[in-house]
Amino acid sequence: MSRSGTLRCDNAVRTLERMSMRPTLVAIALLLLAIAIVSPHGPSSKGPYHADIARTPGVLNPDVTQANIDSTICVTGWTKTIRPPTSYTNALKRKQMREYGVGGSLSDYQEDHLISLELGGHPTDPRNLWPEPYPRASQVDMIENDLNRQVCDGSLTLAEAQVRESALKHGQG
């Protein structure tokens, strides 16, 4: 076979190889599109989803310890004295909604403390706050209150309650 014939044959083989890749690439593109459409973190998602351990690991308030719970988290109304203003949490919620890739309006979410204020969570550190979707946010509030009751009645340590709350929000939302 002549050199030009060999080159034509090589070109034909390369063309066939490219053509056989086309269906594979189309299949991959369709699969990625399907994943993007059904992904719970898509831009129009309102949840449910859980807190991201990297974005929202949870941060403790250094002013709350097991030794001082009777003068901090176990005092009725104490959390009101440290709760950040809505102007701060709404601005942070807007930013974090973009970071989490969730859509909807601000009112679809509660800017929630991963470790709640009533369990010694840091009030303003962004690593302790995340946009938790309603109605899950309301359901979790009841669990937080129950954990606080258990800490204050001595049936659970503060550290145990914090671990439970973190596991709940990182695992179930």
C-alpha atoms as a PDB file:
ATOM      1  CA  MET A   1       0.000   0.000   0.000  1.00  0.00           C
ATOM      2  CA  SER A   2       1.273   3.459  -0.837  1.00  0.00           C
ATOM      3  CA  ARG A   3       2.024   6.104   1.769  1.00  0.00           C
ATOM      4  CA  SER A   4      -1.036   8.165   0.755  1.00  0.00           C
ATOM      5  CA  GLY A   5      -3.214   5.058   1.009  1.00  0.00           C
ATOM      6  CA  THR A   6      -1.890   4.387   4.523  1.00  0.00           C
ATOM      7  CA  LEU A   7      -2.612   7.984   5.546  1.00  0.00           C
ATOM      8  CA  ARG A   8      -6.172   7.734   4.181  1.00  0.00           C
ATOM      9  CA  CYS A   9      -6.673   4.488   6.091  1.00  0.00           C
ATOM     10  CA  ASP A  10      -5.332   6.061   9.306  1.00  0.00           C
ATOM     11  CA  ASN A  11      -7.631   9.063   8.828  1.00  0.00           C
ATOM     12  CA  ALA A  12     -10.602   6.777   8.293  1.00  0.00           C
ATOM     13  CA  VAL A  13      -9.820   4.850  11.505  1.00  0.00           C
ATOM     14  CA  ARG A  14      -9.550   8.097  13.491  1.00  0.00           C
ATOM     15  CA  THR A  15     -12.873   9.297  12.046  1.00  0.00           C
ATOM     16  CA  LEU A  16     -14.541   6.026  13.052  1.00  0.00           C
ATOM     17  CA  GLU A  17     -13.052   6.267  16.544  1.00  0.00           C
ATOM     18  CA  ARG A  18     -14.414   9.817  16.941  1.00  0.00           C
ATOM     19  CA  MET A  19     -17.828   8.752  15.655  1.00  0.00           C
ATOM     20  CA  SER A  20     -18.051   5.851  18.097  1.00  0.00           C
ATOM     21  CA  MET A  21     -17.252   8.257  20.977  1.00  0.00           C
ATOM     22  CA  ARG A  22     -20.126  10.550  20.054  1.00  0.00           C
ATOM     23  CA  PRO A  23     -22.909   8.271  21.445  1.00  0.00           C
ATOM     24  CA  THR A  24     -20.914   7.768  24.636  1.00  0.00           C
ATOM     25  CA  LEU A  25     -20.427  11.503  25.094  1.00  0.00           C
ATOM     26  CA  VAL A  26     -24.118  12.161  24.397  1.00  0.00           C
ATOM     27  CA  ALA A  27     -25.082   9.516  26.976  1.00  0.00           C
ATOM     28  CA  ILE A  28     -22.779  11.093  29.572  1.00  0.00           C
ATOM     29  CA  ALA A  29     -24.188  14.557  28.860  1.00  0.00           C
ATOM     30  CA  LEU A  30     -27.750  13.273  29.238  1.00  0.00           C
ATOM     31  CA  LEU A  31     -26.866  11.549  32.504  1.00  0.00           C
ATOM     32  CA  LEU A  32     -25.337  14.756  33.900  1.00  0.00           C
ATOM     33  CA  LEU A  33     -28.406  16.719  32.814  1.00  0.00           C
ATOM     34  CA  ALA A  34     -30.708  14.233  34.551  1.00  0.00           C
ATOM     35  CA  ILE A  35     -28.651  14.458  37.752  1.00  0.00           C
ATOM     36  CA  ALA A  36     -28.775  18.257  37.637  1.00  0.00           C
ATOM     37  CA  ILE A  37     -32.551  18.215  37.201  1.00  0.00           C
ATOM     38  CA  VAL A  38     -33.302  15.882  40.094  1.00  0.00           C
ATOM     39  CA  SER A  39     -30.550  17.052  42.434  1.00  0.00           C
ATOM     40  CA  PRO A  40     -31.967  18.280  45.792  1.00  0.00           C
ATOM     41  CA  HIS A  41     -29.406  21.100  45.771  1.00  0.00           C
ATOM     42  CA  GLY A  42     -30.569  22.587  42.483  1.00  0.00           C
ATOM     43  CA  PRO A  43     -31.197  26.299  42.218  1.00  0.00           C
ATOM     44  CA  SER A  44     -34.944  26.021  42.752  1.00  0.00           C
ATOM     45  CA  SER A  45     -34.666  23.623  45.690  1.00  0.00           C
ATOM     46  CA  LYS A  46     -36.138  24.535  49.046  1.00  0.00           C
ATOM     47  CA  GLY A  47     -34.934  21.333  50.670  1.00  0.00           C
ATOM     48  CA  PRO A  48     -34.970  19.122  52.429  1.00  0.00           C
ATOM     49  CA  TYR A  49     -31.226  18.986  52.750  1.00  0.00           C
ATOM     50  CA  HIS A  50     -28.825  18.840  55.631  1.00  0.00           C
ATOM     51  CA  ALA A  51     -26.190  21.254  56.856  1.00  0.00           C
ATOM     52  CA  ASP A  52     -22.888  20.914  55.044  1.00  0.00           C
ATOM     53  CA  ILE A  53     -20.135  19.918  57.479  1.00  0.00           C
ATOM     54  CA  ALA A  54     -17.544  21.984  55.570  1.00  0.00           C
ATOM     55  CA  ARG A  55     -19.649  25.165  55.299  1.00  0.00           C
ATOM     56  CA  THR A  56     -21.407  24.827  58.646  1.00  0.00           C
ATOM     57  CA  PRO A  57     -19.417  22.707  61.086  1.00  0.00           C
ATOM     58  CA  GLY A  58     -20.962  24.362  64.148  1.00  0.00           C
ATOM     59  CA  VAL A  59     -19.166  26.678  66.573  1.00  0.00           C
ATOM     60  CA  LEU A  60     -19.631  26.858  70.327  1.00  0.00           C
ATOM     61  CA  ASN A  61     -20.151  29.979  72.394  1.00  0.00           C
ATOM     62  CA  PRO A  62     -17.101  30.187  74.717  1.00  0.00           C
ATOM     63  CA  ASP A  63     -19.305  31.912  77.320  1.00  0.00           C
ATOM     64  CA  VAL A  64     -21.419  28.774  77.828  1.00  0.00           C
ATOM     65  CA  THR A  65     -20.021  25.797  79.725  1.00  0.00           C
ATOM     66  CA  GLN A  66     -21.439  22.872  81.650  1.00  0.00           C
ATOM     67  CA  ALA A  67     -20.399  24.698  84.840  1.00  0.00           C
ATOM     68  CA  ASN A  68     -22.451  27.837  84.095  1.00  0.00           C
ATOM     69  CA  ILE A  69     -25.617  26.499  82.424  1.00  0.00           C
ATOM     70  CA  ASP A  70     -27.696  27.609  85.434  1.00  0.00           C
ATOM     71  CA  SER A  71     -26.804  31.241  84.679  1.00  0.00           C
ATOM     72  CA  THR A  72     -26.874  30.989  80.876  1.00  0.00           C
ATOM     73  CA  ILE A  73     -28.872  28.517  78.754  1.00  0.00           C
ATOM     74  CA  CYS A  74     -31.131  27.386  81.619  1.00  0.00           C
ATOM     75  CA  VAL A  75     -32.334  30.924  82.357  1.00  0.00           C
ATOM     76  CA  THR A  76     -35.648  31.680  80.638  1.00  0.00           C
ATOM     77  CA  GLY A  77     -35.123  34.430  78.044  1.00  0.00           C
ATOM     78  CA  TRP A  78     -31.317  34.232  78.092  1.00  0.00           C
ATOM     79  CA  THR A  79     -31.063  33.493  74.362  1.00  0.00           C
ATOM     80  CA  LYS A  80     -32.847  36.777  73.602  1.00  0.00           C
ATOM     81  CA  THR A  81     -29.892  38.596  75.132  1.00  0.00           C
ATOM     82  CA  ILE A  82     -27.432  37.110  72.619  1.00  0.00           C
ATOM     83  CA  ARG A  83     -29.567  36.508  69.514  1.00  0.00           C
ATOM     84  CA  PRO A  84     -28.152  38.401  66.495  1.00  0.00           C
ATOM     85  CA  PRO A  85     -30.348  41.016  64.794  1.00  0.00           C
ATOM     86  CA  THR A  86     -32.477  40.033  61.783  1.00  0.00           C
ATOM     87  CA  SER A  87     -30.508  42.454  59.597  1.00  0.00           C
ATOM     88  CA  TYR A  88     -27.397  40.336  60.228  1.00  0.00           C
ATOM     89  CA  THR A  89     -29.068  36.938  59.787  1.00  0.00           C
ATOM     90  CA  ASN A  90     -31.009  37.944  56.640  1.00  0.00           C
ATOM     91  CA  ALA A  91     -27.865  39.222  54.913  1.00  0.00           C
ATOM     92  CA  LEU A  92     -26.033  36.037  55.884  1.00  0.00           C
ATOM     93  CA  LYS A  93     -28.999  33.883  54.821  1.00  0.00           C
ATOM     94  CA  ARG A  94     -29.006  35.467  51.361  1.00  0.00           C
ATOM     95  CA  LYS A  95     -25.271  34.792  50.947  1.00  0.00           C
ATOM     96  CA  GLN A  96     -25.505  31.235  52.283  1.00  0.00           C
ATOM     97  CA  MET A  97     -28.504  30.375  50.102  1.00  0.00           C
ATOM     98  CA  ARG A  98     -26.263  31.102  47.114  1.00  0.00           C
ATOM     99  CA  GLU A  99     -23.427  29.045  48.614  1.00  0.00           C
ATOM    100  CA  TYR A 100     -25.756  26.115  49.337  1.00  0.00           C
ATOM    101  CA  GLY A 101     -27.276  26.454  45.865  1.00  0.00           C
ATOM    102  CA  VAL A 102     -30.870  26.743  47.046  1.00  0.00           C
ATOM    103  CA  GLY A 103     -33.560  29.006  45.644  1.00  0.00           C
ATOM    104  CA  GLY A 104     -36.794  30.483  46.807  1.00  0.00           C
ATOM    105  CA  SER A 105     -37.389  33.472  49.009  1.00  0.00           C
ATOM    106  CA  LEU A 106     -35.744  34.303  52.320  1.00  0.00           C
ATOM    107  CA  SER A 107     -38.999  33.444  54.084  1.00  0.00           C
ATOM    108  CA  ASP A 108     -38.708  29.830  52.879  1.00  0.00           C
ATOM    109  CA  TYR A 109     -35.782  29.393  55.286  1.00  0.00           C
ATOM    110  CA  GLN A 110     -34.787  30.028  58.858  1.00  0.00           C
ATOM    111  CA  GLU A 111     -31.213  31.155  59.349  1.00  0.00           C
ATOM    112  CA  ASP A 112     -30.628  28.488  61.956  1.00  0.00           C
ATOM    113  CA  HIS A 113     -27.832  27.989  64.432  1.00  0.00           C
ATOM    114  CA  LEU A 114     -26.316  24.577  63.850  1.00  0.00           C
ATOM    115  CA  ILE A 115     -25.622  24.403  67.579  1.00  0.00           C
ATOM    116  CA  SER A 116     -28.612  26.312  68.872  1.00  0.00           C
ATOM    117  CA  LEU A 117     -28.273  29.222  71.244  1.00  0.00           C
ATOM    118  CA  GLU A 118     -30.146  27.221  73.895  1.00  0.00           C
ATOM    119  CA  LEU A 119     -27.417  24.560  73.673  1.00  0.00           C
ATOM    120  CA  GLY A 120     -24.451  26.923  73.746  1.00  0.00           C
ATOM    121  CA  GLY A 121     -23.960  27.663  70.050  1.00  0.00           C
ATOM    122  CA  HIS A 122     -22.098  30.748  68.914  1.00  0.00           C
ATOM    123  CA  PRO A 123     -24.617  33.505  68.114  1.00  0.00           C
ATOM    124  CA  THR A 124     -22.931  35.192  65.126  1.00  0.00           C
ATOM    125  CA  ASP A 125     -20.176  32.990  63.709  1.00  0.00           C
ATOM    126  CA  PRO A 126     -21.227  32.138  60.110  1.00  0.00           C
ATOM    127  CA  ARG A 127     -19.839  28.622  60.588  1.00  0.00           C
ATOM    128  CA  ASN A 128     -22.637  28.072  63.108  1.00  0.00           C
ATOM    129  CA  LEU A 129     -25.448  29.399  60.909  1.00  0.00           C
ATOM    130  CA  TRP A 130     -27.135  27.930  57.822  1.00  0.00           C
ATOM    131  CA  PRO A 131     -30.376  28.400  55.827  1.00  0.00           C
ATOM    132  CA  GLU A 132     -32.609  25.590  57.088  1.00  0.00           C
ATOM    133  CA  PRO A 133     -35.797  25.144  55.025  1.00  0.00           C
ATOM    134  CA  TYR A 134     -39.275  25.323  56.511  1.00  0.00           C
ATOM    135  CA  PRO A 135     -41.155  23.295  57.709  1.00  0.00           C
ATOM    136  CA  ARG A 136     -38.137  21.263  58.873  1.00  0.00           C
ATOM    137  CA  ALA A 137     -36.769  24.294  60.732  1.00  0.00           C
ATOM    138  CA  SER A 138     -39.892  24.453  62.921  1.00  0.00           C
ATOM    139  CA  GLN A 139     -39.726  20.725  63.651  1.00  0.00           C
ATOM    140  CA  VAL A 140     -36.065  20.972  64.656  1.00  0.00           C
ATOM    141  CA  ASP A 141     -36.833  23.916  66.972  1.00  0.00           C
ATOM    142  CA  MET A 142     -38.969  21.565  69.072  1.00  0.00           C
ATOM    143  CA  ILE A 143     -36.093  19.050  69.259  1.00  0.00           C
ATOM    144  CA  GLU A 144     -33.705  21.829  70.330  1.00  0.00           C
ATOM    145  CA  ASN A 145     -36.080  22.858  73.105  1.00  0.00           C
ATOM    146  CA  ASP A 146     -36.346  19.261  74.303  1.00  0.00           C
ATOM    147  CA  LEU A 147     -32.554  18.873  74.338  1.00  0.00           C
ATOM    148  CA  ASN A 148     -32.284  22.112  76.335  1.00  0.00           C
ATOM    149  CA  ARG A 149     -34.830  20.766  78.851  1.00  0.00           C
ATOM    150  CA  GLN A 150     -32.803  17.559  79.235  1.00  0.00           C
ATOM    151  CA  VAL A 151     -29.571  19.501  79.792  1.00  0.00           C
ATOM    152  CA  CYS A 152     -31.202  21.778  82.330  1.00  0.00           C
ATOM    153  CA  ASP A 153     -32.825  18.909  84.261  1.00  0.00           C
ATOM    154  CA  GLY A 154     -29.504  17.043  84.344  1.00  0.00           C
ATOM    155  CA  SER A 155     -30.534  14.029  82.287  1.00  0.00           C
ATOM    156  CA  LEU A 156     -28.095  14.975  79.502  1.00  0.00           C
ATOM    157  CA  THR A 157     -24.772  16.815  79.542  1.00  0.00           C
ATOM    158  CA  LEU A 158     -24.308  19.917  77.468  1.00  0.00           C
ATOM    159  CA  ALA A 159     -21.676  18.181  75.324  1.00  0.00           C
ATOM    160  CA  GLU A 160     -23.959  15.186  74.676  1.00  0.00           C
ATOM    161  CA  ALA A 161     -26.787  17.483  73.592  1.00  0.00           C
ATOM    162  CA  GLN A 162     -24.473  19.417  71.275  1.00  0.00           C
ATOM    163  CA  VAL A 163     -23.272  16.202  69.635  1.00  0.00           C
ATOM    164  CA  ARG A 164     -26.866  15.024  69.137  1.00  0.00           C
ATOM    165  CA  GLU A 165     -27.910  18.330  67.633  1.00  0.00           C
ATOM    166  CA  SER A 166     -24.936  18.395  65.275  1.00  0.00           C
ATOM    167  CA  ALA A 167     -25.612  14.814  64.152  1.00  0.00           C
ATOM    168  CA  LEU A 168     -29.284  15.652  63.558  1.00  0.00           C
ATOM    169  CA  LYS A 169     -28.586  18.704  61.416  1.00  0.00           C
ATOM    170  CA  HIS A 170     -25.637  17.258  59.522  1.00  0.00           C
ATOM    171  CA  GLY A 171     -27.402  13.972  58.874  1.00  0.00           C
ATOM    172  CA  GLN A 172     -31.100  14.754  58.563  1.00  0.00           C
ATOM    173  CA  GLY A 173     -31.378  18.505  58.144  1.00  0.00           C
END
